[in-house]
């Protein structure tokens, strides 16, 4: 069975164009999300559709951007459909995972998405390295100064006070103080 999915981001947009295309594509049922951003991971109609789709069914959409905002999100949805034995069709892009050429195209798109993620990761690591080389501090700001840590260490060695009490006085967690003492 062909099951359609239509989505518009705002309530003043109209689903008619998508619904007409889905009916022409042979969809028996159409699930609709109105006023729901594609960036949202939980979309009521899509979530419901994904729970009722059966092996042999085909999810049909008008355009790829109606299903997800990013290629990686689309890949996750289509992989979940494939695991359940369901197919996927995007009318505008002429992608049909029921055909060998459609599967090839979708796998090429998946490879491009993976490549894009790797590039983003590389750029992030390069940016962090450059910031460190310029002397920037990466991560959260320290809760305790070096002097506070040294004072706490001295008090702890002198005895008569617990790590928990020292942490409470400095308004940090016991774990934060223990890590700071161990580092310095």
Foldseek 3Di string as FASTA:
>chain_A
DEEEEAEDQAQPDDRVVWVVVSVVVPHPYYFYFYNHQQADPDTPRVVVCLVPDAAPYEYETAAPNRNHDDLVSVVVVQVSCVVRNYWYAHNVVGATCVDPVNVVVNVVSVVVRVVVVVVVVVVVVVVVVVCVVVVHDDDDDQLDDPVLLVVLVVDVVVDPDDLCVSCVVSVHHSVSSVVSNVVD
